[in-house]
Amino acid sequence: MNRRPLLPSWLPVDGYVLALLGTVGLAALLPASGAAATAAGSAATGVVALLFFLYGARLSTREALDGLRHWRLHLTVLGATFLVFPLLGLAARGLVPGVLTPQLYGGFLFLCLVPS
């Protein structure tokens, strides 16, 4: 039997999202420090890895192969991520003296170069 928590019908948020927001709120109110912060960081890394694994494990082989057939979309995303955004970041160097400060340009360039 699949039992889900009862949420009001007018609430357009999934229960998982509410739990995630609650966790962030709790962490903001009660931050970890010292050895507990190290343990919490390690646990967070492990949980994120587990979530990615479980999401990939439930993906059927057929769905994965169907996704690979969209090679034009994948090339477009890769081109935008690794070519267009870095070139935009480098082109923004021309805005440094007037529009952007050197520190702001450094942060903008970092955002353009980091794929995620």
PDB file of N, CA and C in Angstrom:
ATOM      1  N   MET A   1       0.847  -1.167   0.000  1.00  0.00           N
ATOM      2  CA  MET A   1       0.000   0.000   0.000  1.00  0.00           C
ATOM      3  C   MET A   1       0.897   1.236   0.000  1.00  0.00           C
ATOM      4  N   ASN A   2       0.618   2.140  -0.921  1.00  0.00           N
ATOM      5  CA  ASN A   2       1.386   3.367  -1.048  1.00  0.00           C
ATOM      6  C   ASN A   2       0.660   4.482  -0.305  1.00  0.00           C
ATOM      7  N   ARG A   3       1.159   4.838   0.868  1.00  0.00           N
ATOM      8  CA  ARG A   3       0.519   5.882   1.672  1.00  0.00           C
ATOM      9  C   ARG A   3       1.332   7.151   1.552  1.00  0.00           C
ATOM     10  N   ARG A   4       0.690   8.203   1.110  1.00  0.00           N
ATOM     11  CA  ARG A   4       1.320   9.508   1.005  1.00  0.00           C
ATOM     12  C   ARG A   4       0.762  10.407   2.089  1.00  0.00           C
ATOM     13  N   PRO A   5       1.582  11.326   2.574  1.00  0.00           N
ATOM     14  CA  PRO A   5       1.054  12.252   3.571  1.00  0.00           C
ATOM     15  C   PRO A   5      -0.051  13.100   2.946  1.00  0.00           C
ATOM     16  N   LEU A   6      -1.054  13.382   3.748  1.00  0.00           N
ATOM     17  CA  LEU A   6      -2.170  14.177   3.254  1.00  0.00           C
ATOM     18  C   LEU A   6      -1.799  15.653   3.272  1.00  0.00           C
ATOM     19  N   LEU A   7      -1.763  16.240   2.087  1.00  0.00           N
ATOM     20  CA  LEU A   7      -1.483  17.657   1.938  1.00  0.00           C
ATOM     21  C   LEU A   7      -2.724  18.319   1.371  1.00  0.00           C
ATOM     22  N   PRO A   8      -2.949  19.565   1.694  1.00  0.00           N
ATOM     23  CA  PRO A   8      -4.113  20.249   1.132  1.00  0.00           C
ATOM     24  C   PRO A   8      -4.059  20.253  -0.397  1.00  0.00           C
ATOM     25  N   SER A   9      -5.220  20.132  -1.036  1.00  0.00           N
ATOM     26  CA  SER A   9      -5.263  20.071  -2.489  1.00  0.00           C
ATOM     27  C   SER A   9      -4.837  21.383  -3.129  1.00  0.00           C
ATOM     28  N   TRP A  10      -4.974  22.499  -2.410  1.00  0.00           N
ATOM     29  CA  TRP A  10      -4.582  23.785  -2.971  1.00  0.00           C
ATOM     30  C   TRP A  10      -3.079  24.003  -2.931  1.00  0.00           C
ATOM     31  N   LEU A  11      -2.344  23.137  -2.223  1.00  0.00           N
ATOM     32  CA  LEU A  11      -0.904  23.269  -2.101  1.00  0.00           C
ATOM     33  C   LEU A  11      -0.237  22.575  -3.290  1.00  0.00           C
ATOM     34  N   PRO A  12       0.355  23.354  -4.210  1.00  0.00           N
ATOM     35  CA  PRO A  12       0.908  22.743  -5.424  1.00  0.00           C
ATOM     36  C   PRO A  12       2.319  22.193  -5.244  1.00  0.00           C
ATOM     37  N   VAL A  13       2.736  21.902  -4.025  1.00  0.00           N
ATOM     38  CA  VAL A  13       4.097  21.466  -3.761  1.00  0.00           C
ATOM     39  C   VAL A  13       4.090  19.995  -3.372  1.00  0.00           C
ATOM     40  N   ASP A  14       5.062  19.289  -3.885  1.00  0.00           N
ATOM     41  CA  ASP A  14       5.246  17.882  -3.557  1.00  0.00           C
ATOM     42  C   ASP A  14       5.743  17.751  -2.114  1.00  0.00           C
ATOM     43  N   GLY A  15       5.403  16.664  -1.471  1.00  0.00           N
ATOM     44  CA  GLY A  15       5.836  16.430  -0.101  1.00  0.00           C
ATOM     45  C   GLY A  15       7.345  16.386   0.041  1.00  0.00           C
ATOM     46  N   TYR A  16       8.027  15.872  -0.988  1.00  0.00           N
ATOM     47  CA  TYR A  16       9.489  15.817  -0.966  1.00  0.00           C
ATOM     48  C   TYR A  16      10.068  17.228  -0.917  1.00  0.00           C
ATOM     49  N   VAL A  17       9.494  18.138  -1.695  1.00  0.00           N
ATOM     50  CA  VAL A  17       9.979  19.522  -1.707  1.00  0.00           C
ATOM     51  C   VAL A  17       9.758  20.159  -0.337  1.00  0.00           C
ATOM     52  N   LEU A  18       8.619  19.885   0.277  1.00  0.00           N
ATOM     53  CA  LEU A  18       8.370  20.420   1.618  1.00  0.00           C
ATOM     54  C   LEU A  18       9.377  19.876   2.627  1.00  0.00           C
ATOM     55  N   ALA A  19       9.692  18.586   2.534  1.00  0.00           N
ATOM     56  CA  ALA A  19      10.677  17.997   3.443  1.00  0.00           C
ATOM     57  C   ALA A  19      12.053  18.620   3.223  1.00  0.00           C
ATOM     58  N   LEU A  20      12.402  18.867   1.971  1.00  0.00           N
ATOM     59  CA  LEU A  20      13.680  19.483   1.666  1.00  0.00           C
ATOM     60  C   LEU A  20      13.754  20.907   2.215  1.00  0.00           C
ATOM     61  N   LEU A  21      12.690  21.677   2.039  1.00  0.00           N
ATOM     62  CA  LEU A  21      12.648  23.034   2.586  1.00  0.00           C
ATOM     63  C   LEU A  21      12.696  23.023   4.109  1.00  0.00           C
ATOM     64  N   GLY A  22      12.022  22.062   4.716  1.00  0.00           N
ATOM     65  CA  GLY A  22      12.071  21.935   6.170  1.00  0.00           C
ATOM     66  C   GLY A  22      13.470  21.614   6.668  1.00  0.00           C
ATOM     67  N   THR A  23      14.179  20.764   5.936  1.00  0.00           N
ATOM     68  CA  THR A  23      15.552  20.425   6.303  1.00  0.00           C
ATOM     69  C   THR A  23      16.461  21.639   6.207  1.00  0.00           C
ATOM     70  N   VAL A  24      16.301  22.422   5.149  1.00  0.00           N
ATOM     71  CA  VAL A  24      17.111  23.631   4.993  1.00  0.00           C
ATOM     72  C   VAL A  24      16.791  24.621   6.116  1.00  0.00           C
ATOM     73  N   GLY A  25      15.516  24.760   6.439  1.00  0.00           N
ATOM     74  CA  GLY A  25      15.129  25.645   7.528  1.00  0.00           C
ATOM     75  C   GLY A  25      15.705  25.204   8.866  1.00  0.00           C
ATOM     76  N   LEU A  26      15.657  23.906   9.130  1.00  0.00           N
ATOM     77  CA  LEU A  26      16.216  23.370  10.370  1.00  0.00           C
ATOM     78  C   LEU A  26      17.720  23.597  10.432  1.00  0.00           C
ATOM     79  N   ALA A  27      18.405  23.395   9.301  1.00  0.00           N
ATOM     80  CA  ALA A  27      19.854  23.614   9.270  1.00  0.00           C
ATOM     81  C   ALA A  27      20.191  25.087   9.477  1.00  0.00           C
ATOM     82  N   ALA A  28      19.317  25.982   9.008  1.00  0.00           N
ATOM     83  CA  ALA A  28      19.565  27.409   9.210  1.00  0.00           C
ATOM     84  C   ALA A  28      19.370  27.792  10.673  1.00  0.00           C
ATOM     85  N   LEU A  29      18.410  27.173  11.346  1.00  0.00           N
ATOM     86  CA  LEU A  29      18.150  27.483  12.747  1.00  0.00           C
ATOM     87  C   LEU A  29      19.148  26.819  13.690  1.00  0.00           C
ATOM     88  N   LEU A  30      19.570  25.607  13.348  1.00  0.00           N
ATOM     89  CA  LEU A  30      20.489  24.846  14.202  1.00  0.00           C
ATOM     90  C   LEU A  30      21.706  24.400  13.397  1.00  0.00           C
ATOM     91  N   PRO A  31      22.612  25.306  13.058  1.00  0.00           N
ATOM     92  CA  PRO A  31      23.763  24.917  12.236  1.00  0.00           C
ATOM     93  C   PRO A  31      24.727  24.015  13.004  1.00  0.00           C
ATOM     94  N   ALA A  32      25.321  23.086  12.284  1.00  0.00           N
ATOM     95  CA  ALA A  32      26.308  22.191  12.890  1.00  0.00           C
ATOM     96  C   ALA A  32      27.653  22.894  12.951  1.00  0.00           C
ATOM     97  N   SER A  33      28.446  22.556  13.967  1.00  0.00           N
ATOM     98  CA  SER A  33      29.783  23.135  14.079  1.00  0.00           C
ATOM     99  C   SER A  33      30.733  22.081  14.621  1.00  0.00           C
ATOM    100  N   GLY A  34      32.028  22.270  14.353  1.00  0.00           N
ATOM    101  CA  GLY A  34      33.045  21.356  14.848  1.00  0.00           C
ATOM    102  C   GLY A  34      32.968  19.999  14.182  1.00  0.00           C
ATOM    103  N   ALA A  35      33.086  18.954  15.007  1.00  0.00           N
ATOM    104  CA  ALA A  35      33.066  17.589  14.492  1.00  0.00           C
ATOM    105  C   ALA A  35      31.704  17.240  13.901  1.00  0.00           C
ATOM    106  N   ALA A  36      30.655  17.820  14.445  1.00  0.00           N
ATOM    107  CA  ALA A  36      29.317  17.554  13.907  1.00  0.00           C
ATOM    108  C   ALA A  36      29.186  18.104  12.492  1.00  0.00           C
ATOM    109  N   ALA A  37      29.836  19.235  12.199  1.00  0.00           N
ATOM    110  CA  ALA A  37      29.791  19.800  10.848  1.00  0.00           C
ATOM    111  C   ALA A  37      30.515  18.893   9.866  1.00  0.00           C
ATOM    112  N   THR A  38      31.640  18.312  10.282  1.00  0.00           N
ATOM    113  CA  THR A  38      32.366  17.381   9.423  1.00  0.00           C
ATOM    114  C   THR A  38      31.523  16.148   9.143  1.00  0.00           C
ATOM    115  N   ALA A  39      30.894  15.618  10.182  1.00  0.00           N
ATOM    116  CA  ALA A  39      30.041  14.442  10.007  1.00  0.00           C
ATOM    117  C   ALA A  39      28.826  14.764   9.145  1.00  0.00           C
ATOM    118  N   ALA A  40      28.234  15.933   9.351  1.00  0.00           N
ATOM    119  CA  ALA A  40      27.074  16.326   8.552  1.00  0.00           C
ATOM    120  C   ALA A  40      27.457  16.515   7.085  1.00  0.00           C
ATOM    121  N   GLY A  41      28.625  17.082   6.833  1.00  0.00           N
ATOM    122  CA  GLY A  41      29.088  17.247   5.452  1.00  0.00           C
ATOM    123  C   GLY A  41      29.312  15.915   4.772  1.00  0.00           C
ATOM    124  N   SER A  42      29.918  14.969   5.490  1.00  0.00           N
ATOM    125  CA  SER A  42      30.140  13.639   4.925  1.00  0.00           C
ATOM    126  C   SER A  42      28.815  12.928   4.681  1.00  0.00           C
ATOM    127  N   ALA A  43      27.895  13.047   5.619  1.00  0.00           N
ATOM    128  CA  ALA A  43      26.580  12.420   5.451  1.00  0.00           C
ATOM    129  C   ALA A  43      25.834  13.033   4.273  1.00  0.00           C
ATOM    130  N   ALA A  44      25.926  14.340   4.110  1.00  0.00           N
ATOM    131  CA  ALA A  44      25.253  15.004   2.992  1.00  0.00           C
ATOM    132  C   ALA A  44      25.815  14.523   1.659  1.00  0.00           C
ATOM    133  N   THR A  45      27.138  14.388   1.578  1.00  0.00           N
ATOM    134  CA  THR A  45      27.752  13.889   0.354  1.00  0.00           C
ATOM    135  C   THR A  45      27.279  12.470   0.053  1.00  0.00           C
ATOM    136  N   GLY A  46      27.225  11.634   1.057  1.00  0.00           N
ATOM    137  CA  GLY A  46      26.758  10.256   0.873  1.00  0.00           C
ATOM    138  C   GLY A  46      25.297  10.187   0.448  1.00  0.00           C
ATOM    139  N   VAL A  47      24.468  11.011   1.043  1.00  0.00           N
ATOM    140  CA  VAL A  47      23.040  11.003   0.710  1.00  0.00           C
ATOM    141  C   VAL A  47      22.810  11.498  -0.719  1.00  0.00           C
ATOM    142  N   VAL A  48      23.534  12.530  -1.126  1.00  0.00           N
ATOM    143  CA  VAL A  48      23.395  13.023  -2.501  1.00  0.00           C
ATOM    144  C   VAL A  48      23.837  11.947  -3.486  1.00  0.00           C
ATOM    145  N   ALA A  49      24.954  11.270  -3.207  1.00  0.00           N
ATOM    146  CA  ALA A  49      25.401  10.179  -4.076  1.00  0.00           C
ATOM    147  C   ALA A  49      24.356   9.065  -4.132  1.00  0.00           C
ATOM    148  N   LEU A  50      23.756   8.744  -3.000  1.00  0.00           N
ATOM    149  CA  LEU A  50      22.720   7.714  -2.961  1.00  0.00           C
ATOM    150  C   LEU A  50      21.496   8.129  -3.771  1.00  0.00           C
ATOM    151  N   LEU A  51      21.094   9.398  -3.679  1.00  0.00           N
ATOM    152  CA  LEU A  51      19.957   9.876  -4.466  1.00  0.00           C
ATOM    153  C   LEU A  51      20.224   9.756  -5.960  1.00  0.00           C
ATOM    154  N   PHE A  52      21.424  10.160  -6.398  1.00  0.00           N
ATOM    155  CA  PHE A  52      21.753  10.029  -7.816  1.00  0.00           C
ATOM    156  C   PHE A  52      21.763   8.569  -8.236  1.00  0.00           C
ATOM    157  N   PHE A  53      22.315   7.699  -7.404  1.00  0.00           N
ATOM    158  CA  PHE A  53      22.343   6.271  -7.726  1.00  0.00           C
ATOM    159  C   PHE A  53      20.936   5.704  -7.842  1.00  0.00           C
ATOM    160  N   LEU A  54      20.094   6.009  -6.867  1.00  0.00           N
ATOM    161  CA  LEU A  54      18.729   5.468  -6.895  1.00  0.00           C
ATOM    162  C   LEU A  54      17.935   6.006  -8.074  1.00  0.00           C
ATOM    163  N   TYR A  55      18.146   7.257  -8.431  1.00  0.00           N
ATOM    164  CA  TYR A  55      17.445   7.810  -9.582  1.00  0.00           C
ATOM    165  C   TYR A  55      17.900   7.100 -10.856  1.00  0.00           C
ATOM    166  N   GLY A  56      19.188   6.860 -10.986  1.00  0.00           N
ATOM    167  CA  GLY A  56      19.697   6.147 -12.156  1.00  0.00           C
ATOM    168  C   GLY A  56      19.302   4.683 -12.157  1.00  0.00           C
ATOM    169  N   ALA A  57      19.200   4.075 -10.988  1.00  0.00           N
ATOM    170  CA  ALA A  57      18.846   2.655 -10.907  1.00  0.00           C
ATOM    171  C   ALA A  57      17.399   2.410 -11.318  1.00  0.00           C
ATOM    172  N   ARG A  58      16.539   3.381 -11.120  1.00  0.00           N
ATOM    173  CA  ARG A  58      15.142   3.171 -11.492  1.00  0.00           C
ATOM    174  C   ARG A  58      14.872   3.494 -12.961  1.00  0.00           C
ATOM    175  N   LEU A  59      15.880   4.045 -13.652  1.00  0.00           N
ATOM    176  CA  LEU A  59      15.760   4.350 -15.069  1.00  0.00           C
ATOM    177  C   LEU A  59      15.919   3.058 -15.857  1.00  0.00           C
ATOM    178  N   SER A  60      14.937   2.755 -16.685  1.00  0.00           N
ATOM    179  CA  SER A  60      15.005   1.520 -17.463  1.00  0.00           C
ATOM    180  C   SER A  60      16.010   1.670 -18.601  1.00  0.00           C
ATOM    181  N   THR A  61      16.508   0.551 -19.072  1.00  0.00           N
ATOM    182  CA  THR A  61      17.448   0.549 -20.186  1.00  0.00           C
ATOM    183  C   THR A  61      16.811   1.168 -21.421  1.00  0.00           C
ATOM    184  N   ARG A  62      15.555   0.879 -21.643  1.00  0.00           N
ATOM    185  CA  ARG A  62      14.832   1.404 -22.802  1.00  0.00           C
ATOM    186  C   ARG A  62      14.771   2.939 -22.747  1.00  0.00           C
ATOM    187  N   GLU A  63      14.493   3.513 -21.569  1.00  0.00           N
ATOM    188  CA  GLU A  63      14.451   4.966 -21.435  1.00  0.00           C
ATOM    189  C   GLU A  63      15.821   5.588 -21.672  1.00  0.00           C
ATOM    190  N   ALA A  64      16.867   4.933 -21.187  1.00  0.00           N
ATOM    191  CA  ALA A  64      18.224   5.446 -21.384  1.00  0.00           C
ATOM    192  C   ALA A  64      18.588   5.443 -22.868  1.00  0.00           C
ATOM    193  N   LEU A  65      18.259   4.379 -23.561  1.00  0.00           N
ATOM    194  CA  LEU A  65      18.549   4.309 -24.994  1.00  0.00           C
ATOM    195  C   LEU A  65      17.714   5.306 -25.784  1.00  0.00           C
ATOM    196  N   ASP A  66      16.469   5.504 -25.382  1.00  0.00           N
ATOM    197  CA  ASP A  66      15.630   6.510 -26.035  1.00  0.00           C
ATOM    198  C   ASP A  66      16.222   7.907 -25.858  1.00  0.00           C
ATOM    199  N   GLY A  67      16.768   8.175 -24.687  1.00  0.00           N
ATOM    200  CA  GLY A  67      17.396   9.472 -24.439  1.00  0.00           C
ATOM    201  C   GLY A  67      18.637   9.682 -25.283  1.00  0.00           C
ATOM    202  N   LEU A  68      19.387   8.617 -25.544  1.00  0.00           N
ATOM    203  CA  LEU A  68      20.586   8.733 -26.369  1.00  0.00           C
ATOM    204  C   LEU A  68      20.259   9.063 -27.821  1.00  0.00           C
ATOM    205  N   ARG A  69      19.057   8.774 -28.241  1.00  0.00           N
ATOM    206  CA  ARG A  69      18.664   9.065 -29.621  1.00  0.00           C
ATOM    207  C   ARG A  69      18.489  10.557 -29.877  1.00  0.00           C
ATOM    208  N   HIS A  70      18.417  11.353 -28.851  1.00  0.00           N
ATOM    209  CA  HIS A  70      18.275  12.803 -29.000  1.00  0.00           C
ATOM    210  C   HIS A  70      19.654  13.463 -29.029  1.00  0.00           C
ATOM    211  N   TRP A  71      20.511  13.002 -29.936  1.00  0.00           N
ATOM    212  CA  TRP A  71      21.891  13.457 -29.976  1.00  0.00           C
ATOM    213  C   TRP A  71      21.999  14.931 -30.353  1.00  0.00           C
ATOM    214  N   ARG A  72      21.093  15.448 -31.168  1.00  0.00           N
ATOM    215  CA  ARG A  72      21.161  16.863 -31.536  1.00  0.00           C
ATOM    216  C   ARG A  72      20.938  17.748 -30.305  1.00  0.00           C
ATOM    217  N   LEU A  73      19.994  17.354 -29.467  1.00  0.00           N
ATOM    218  CA  LEU A  73      19.755  18.101 -28.235  1.00  0.00           C
ATOM    219  C   LEU A  73      20.979  18.047 -27.327  1.00  0.00           C
ATOM    220  N   HIS A  74      21.587  16.871 -27.199  1.00  0.00           N
ATOM    221  CA  HIS A  74      22.769  16.730 -26.348  1.00  0.00           C
ATOM    222  C   HIS A  74      23.918  17.588 -26.871  1.00  0.00           C
ATOM    223  N   LEU A  75      24.114  17.610 -28.194  1.00  0.00           N
ATOM    224  CA  LEU A  75      25.177  18.441 -28.761  1.00  0.00           C
ATOM    225  C   LEU A  75      24.901  19.927 -28.548  1.00  0.00           C
ATOM    226  N   THR A  76      23.638  20.320 -28.642  1.00  0.00           N
ATOM    227  CA  THR A  76      23.283  21.720 -28.405  1.00  0.00           C
ATOM    228  C   THR A  76      23.584  22.122 -26.967  1.00  0.00           C
ATOM    229  N   VAL A  77      23.209  21.292 -26.021  1.00  0.00           N
ATOM    230  CA  VAL A  77      23.458  21.588 -24.605  1.00  0.00           C
ATOM    231  C   VAL A  77      24.961  21.610 -24.322  1.00  0.00           C
ATOM    232  N   LEU A  78      25.693  20.638 -24.857  1.00  0.00           N
ATOM    233  CA  LEU A  78      27.142  20.613 -24.654  1.00  0.00           C
ATOM    234  C   LEU A  78      27.809  21.836 -25.283  1.00  0.00           C
ATOM    235  N   GLY A  79      27.361  22.207 -26.486  1.00  0.00           N
ATOM    236  CA  GLY A  79      27.930  23.380 -27.142  1.00  0.00           C
ATOM    237  C   GLY A  79      27.664  24.650 -26.353  1.00  0.00           C
ATOM    238  N   ALA A  80      26.450  24.798 -25.841  1.00  0.00           N
ATOM    239  CA  ALA A  80      26.133  25.989 -25.051  1.00  0.00           C
ATOM    240  C   ALA A  80      26.944  26.002 -23.757  1.00  0.00           C
ATOM    241  N   THR A  81      27.079  24.853 -23.123  1.00  0.00           N
ATOM    242  CA  THR A  81      27.767  24.783 -21.835  1.00  0.00           C
ATOM    243  C   THR A  81      29.263  25.015 -21.961  1.00  0.00           C
ATOM    244  N   PHE A  82      29.887  24.379 -22.947  1.00  0.00           N
ATOM    245  CA  PHE A  82      31.342  24.400 -23.011  1.00  0.00           C
ATOM    246  C   PHE A  82      31.910  25.330 -24.081  1.00  0.00           C
ATOM    247  N   LEU A  83      31.061  25.923 -24.929  1.00  0.00           N
ATOM    248  CA  LEU A  83      31.554  26.864 -25.934  1.00  0.00           C
ATOM    249  C   LEU A  83      30.936  28.249 -25.789  1.00  0.00           C
ATOM    250  N   VAL A  84      29.614  28.325 -25.815  1.00  0.00           N
ATOM    251  CA  VAL A  84      28.934  29.623 -25.835  1.00  0.00           C
ATOM    252  C   VAL A  84      29.139  30.378 -24.523  1.00  0.00           C
ATOM    253  N   PHE A  85      28.865  29.730 -23.388  1.00  0.00           N
ATOM    254  CA  PHE A  85      28.994  30.425 -22.109  1.00  0.00           C
ATOM    255  C   PHE A  85      30.429  30.878 -21.827  1.00  0.00           C
ATOM    256  N   PRO A  86      31.455  30.035 -22.039  1.00  0.00           N
ATOM    257  CA  PRO A  86      32.819  30.537 -21.831  1.00  0.00           C
ATOM    258  C   PRO A  86      33.183  31.683 -22.774  1.00  0.00           C
ATOM    259  N   LEU A  87      32.728  31.628 -24.022  1.00  0.00           N
ATOM    260  CA  LEU A  87      33.019  32.729 -24.948  1.00  0.00           C
ATOM    261  C   LEU A  87      32.324  34.012 -24.519  1.00  0.00           C
ATOM    262  N   LEU A  88      31.102  33.897 -24.006  1.00  0.00           N
ATOM    263  CA  LEU A  88      30.417  35.087 -23.478  1.00  0.00           C
ATOM    264  C   LEU A  88      31.172  35.667 -22.287  1.00  0.00           C
ATOM    265  N   GLY A  89      31.683  34.788 -21.436  1.00  0.00           N
ATOM    266  CA  GLY A  89      32.455  35.250 -20.286  1.00  0.00           C
ATOM    267  C   GLY A  89      33.725  35.970 -20.704  1.00  0.00           C
ATOM    268  N   LEU A  90      34.406  35.432 -21.715  1.00  0.00           N
ATOM    269  CA  LEU A  90      35.618  36.090 -22.200  1.00  0.00           C
ATOM    270  C   LEU A  90      35.283  37.400 -22.912  1.00  0.00           C
ATOM    271  N   ALA A  91      34.170  37.428 -23.631  1.00  0.00           N
ATOM    272  CA  ALA A  91      33.765  38.652 -24.336  1.00  0.00           C
ATOM    273  C   ALA A  91      33.380  39.758 -23.358  1.00  0.00           C
ATOM    274  N   ALA A  92      32.927  39.385 -22.184  1.00  0.00           N
ATOM    275  CA  ALA A  92      32.539  40.389 -21.186  1.00  0.00           C
ATOM    276  C   ALA A  92      33.740  41.153 -20.643  1.00  0.00           C
ATOM    277  N   ARG A  93      34.948  40.725 -20.986  1.00  0.00           N
ATOM    278  CA  ARG A  93      36.160  41.430 -20.542  1.00  0.00           C
ATOM    279  C   ARG A  93      36.156  42.869 -21.049  1.00  0.00           C
ATOM    280  N   GLY A  94      35.530  43.084 -22.180  1.00  0.00           N
ATOM    281  CA  GLY A  94      35.449  44.428 -22.726  1.00  0.00           C
ATOM    282  C   GLY A  94      34.589  45.370 -21.905  1.00  0.00           C
ATOM    283  N   LEU A  95      33.786  44.831 -21.009  1.00  0.00           N
ATOM    284  CA  LEU A  95      32.921  45.655 -20.163  1.00  0.00           C
ATOM    285  C   LEU A  95      33.571  46.044 -18.840  1.00  0.00           C
ATOM    286  N   VAL A  96      34.800  45.565 -18.622  1.00  0.00           N
ATOM    287  CA  VAL A  96      35.413  45.721 -17.298  1.00  0.00           C
ATOM    288  C   VAL A  96      35.621  47.170 -16.869  1.00  0.00           C
ATOM    289  N   PRO A  97      36.204  48.033 -17.620  1.00  0.00           N
ATOM    290  CA  PRO A  97      36.446  49.351 -17.028  1.00  0.00           C
ATOM    291  C   PRO A  97      35.175  50.153 -16.782  1.00  0.00           C
ATOM    292  N   GLY A  98      34.179  50.024 -17.645  1.00  0.00           N
ATOM    293  CA  GLY A  98      33.010  50.883 -17.512  1.00  0.00           C
ATOM    294  C   GLY A  98      31.843  50.251 -16.777  1.00  0.00           C
ATOM    295  N   VAL A  99      31.460  49.055 -17.162  1.00  0.00           N
ATOM    296  CA  VAL A  99      30.235  48.442 -16.641  1.00  0.00           C
ATOM    297  C   VAL A  99      30.519  47.503 -15.469  1.00  0.00           C
ATOM    298  N   LEU A 100      31.550  46.696 -15.590  1.00  0.00           N
ATOM    299  CA  LEU A 100      31.878  45.703 -14.562  1.00  0.00           C
ATOM    300  C   LEU A 100      33.164  46.078 -13.844  1.00  0.00           C
ATOM    301  N   THR A 101      33.190  45.843 -12.558  1.00  0.00           N
ATOM    302  CA  THR A 101      34.446  45.983 -11.815  1.00  0.00           C
ATOM    303  C   THR A 101      35.283  44.728 -12.059  1.00  0.00           C
ATOM    304  N   PRO A 102      36.580  44.779 -11.846  1.00  0.00           N
ATOM    305  CA  PRO A 102      37.397  43.581 -12.053  1.00  0.00           C
ATOM    306  C   PRO A 102      36.958  42.395 -11.183  1.00  0.00           C
ATOM    307  N   GLN A 103      36.534  42.666  -9.957  1.00  0.00           N
ATOM    308  CA  GLN A 103      36.084  41.582  -9.087  1.00  0.00           C
ATOM    309  C   GLN A 103      34.780  40.970  -9.599  1.00  0.00           C
ATOM    310  N   LEU A 104      33.866  41.814 -10.046  1.00  0.00           N
ATOM    311  CA  LEU A 104      32.600  41.313 -10.586  1.00  0.00           C
ATOM    312  C   LEU A 104      32.834  40.525 -11.858  1.00  0.00           C
ATOM    313  N   TYR A 105      33.770  40.988 -12.691  1.00  0.00           N
ATOM    314  CA  TYR A 105      34.095  40.253 -13.910  1.00  0.00           C
ATOM    315  C   TYR A 105      34.671  38.882 -13.566  1.00  0.00           C
ATOM    316  N   GLY A 106      35.523  38.821 -12.546  1.00  0.00           N
ATOM    317  CA  GLY A 106      36.076  37.526 -12.130  1.00  0.00           C
ATOM    318  C   GLY A 106      34.985  36.552 -11.727  1.00  0.00           C
ATOM    319  N   GLY A 107      34.006  37.030 -10.976  1.00  0.00           N
ATOM    320  CA  GLY A 107      32.890  36.166 -10.589  1.00  0.00           C
ATOM    321  C   GLY A 107      32.035  35.774 -11.767  1.00  0.00           C
ATOM    322  N   PHE A 108      31.802  36.710 -12.690  1.00  0.00           N
ATOM    323  CA  PHE A 108      31.016  36.416 -13.887  1.00  0.00           C
ATOM    324  C   PHE A 108      31.728  35.390 -14.745  1.00  0.00           C
ATOM    325  N   LEU A 109      33.028  35.539 -14.924  1.00  0.00           N
ATOM    326  CA  LEU A 109      33.806  34.581 -15.698  1.00  0.00           C
ATOM    327  C   LEU A 109      33.775  33.206 -15.046  1.00  0.00           C
ATOM    328  N   PHE A 110      33.871  33.163 -13.733  1.00  0.00           N
ATOM    329  CA  PHE A 110      33.797  31.886 -13.019  1.00  0.00           C
ATOM    330  C   PHE A 110      32.469  31.201 -13.293  1.00  0.00           C
ATOM    331  N   LEU A 111      31.357  31.958 -13.236  1.00  0.00           N
ATOM    332  CA  LEU A 111      30.055  31.382 -13.511  1.00  0.00           C
ATOM    333  C   LEU A 111      29.945  30.869 -14.945  1.00  0.00           C
ATOM    334  N   CYS A 112      30.585  31.564 -15.870  1.00  0.00           N
ATOM    335  CA  CYS A 112      30.535  31.135 -17.273  1.00  0.00           C
ATOM    336  C   CYS A 112      31.386  29.898 -17.529  1.00  0.00           C
ATOM    337  N   LEU A 113      32.425  29.674 -16.736  1.00  0.00           N
ATOM    338  CA  LEU A 113      33.324  28.561 -16.961  1.00  0.00           C
ATOM    339  C   LEU A 113      32.953  27.301 -16.205  1.00  0.00           C
ATOM    340  N   VAL A 114      32.154  27.429 -15.155  1.00  0.00           N
ATOM    341  CA  VAL A 114      31.770  26.255 -14.368  1.00  0.00           C
ATOM    342  C   VAL A 114      30.556  25.604 -15.025  1.00  0.00           C
ATOM    343  N   PRO A 115      30.648  24.344 -15.458  1.00  0.00           N
ATOM    344  CA  PRO A 115      29.555  23.723 -16.215  1.00  0.00           C
ATOM    345  C   PRO A 115      28.243  23.605 -15.461  1.00  0.00           C
ATOM    346  N   SER A 116      28.302  23.456 -14.170  1.00  0.00           N
ATOM    347  CA  SER A 116      27.033  23.242 -13.469  1.00  0.00           C
ATOM    348  C   SER A 116      26.380  24.554 -13.163  1.00  0.00           C
TER     349      SER A 116
END
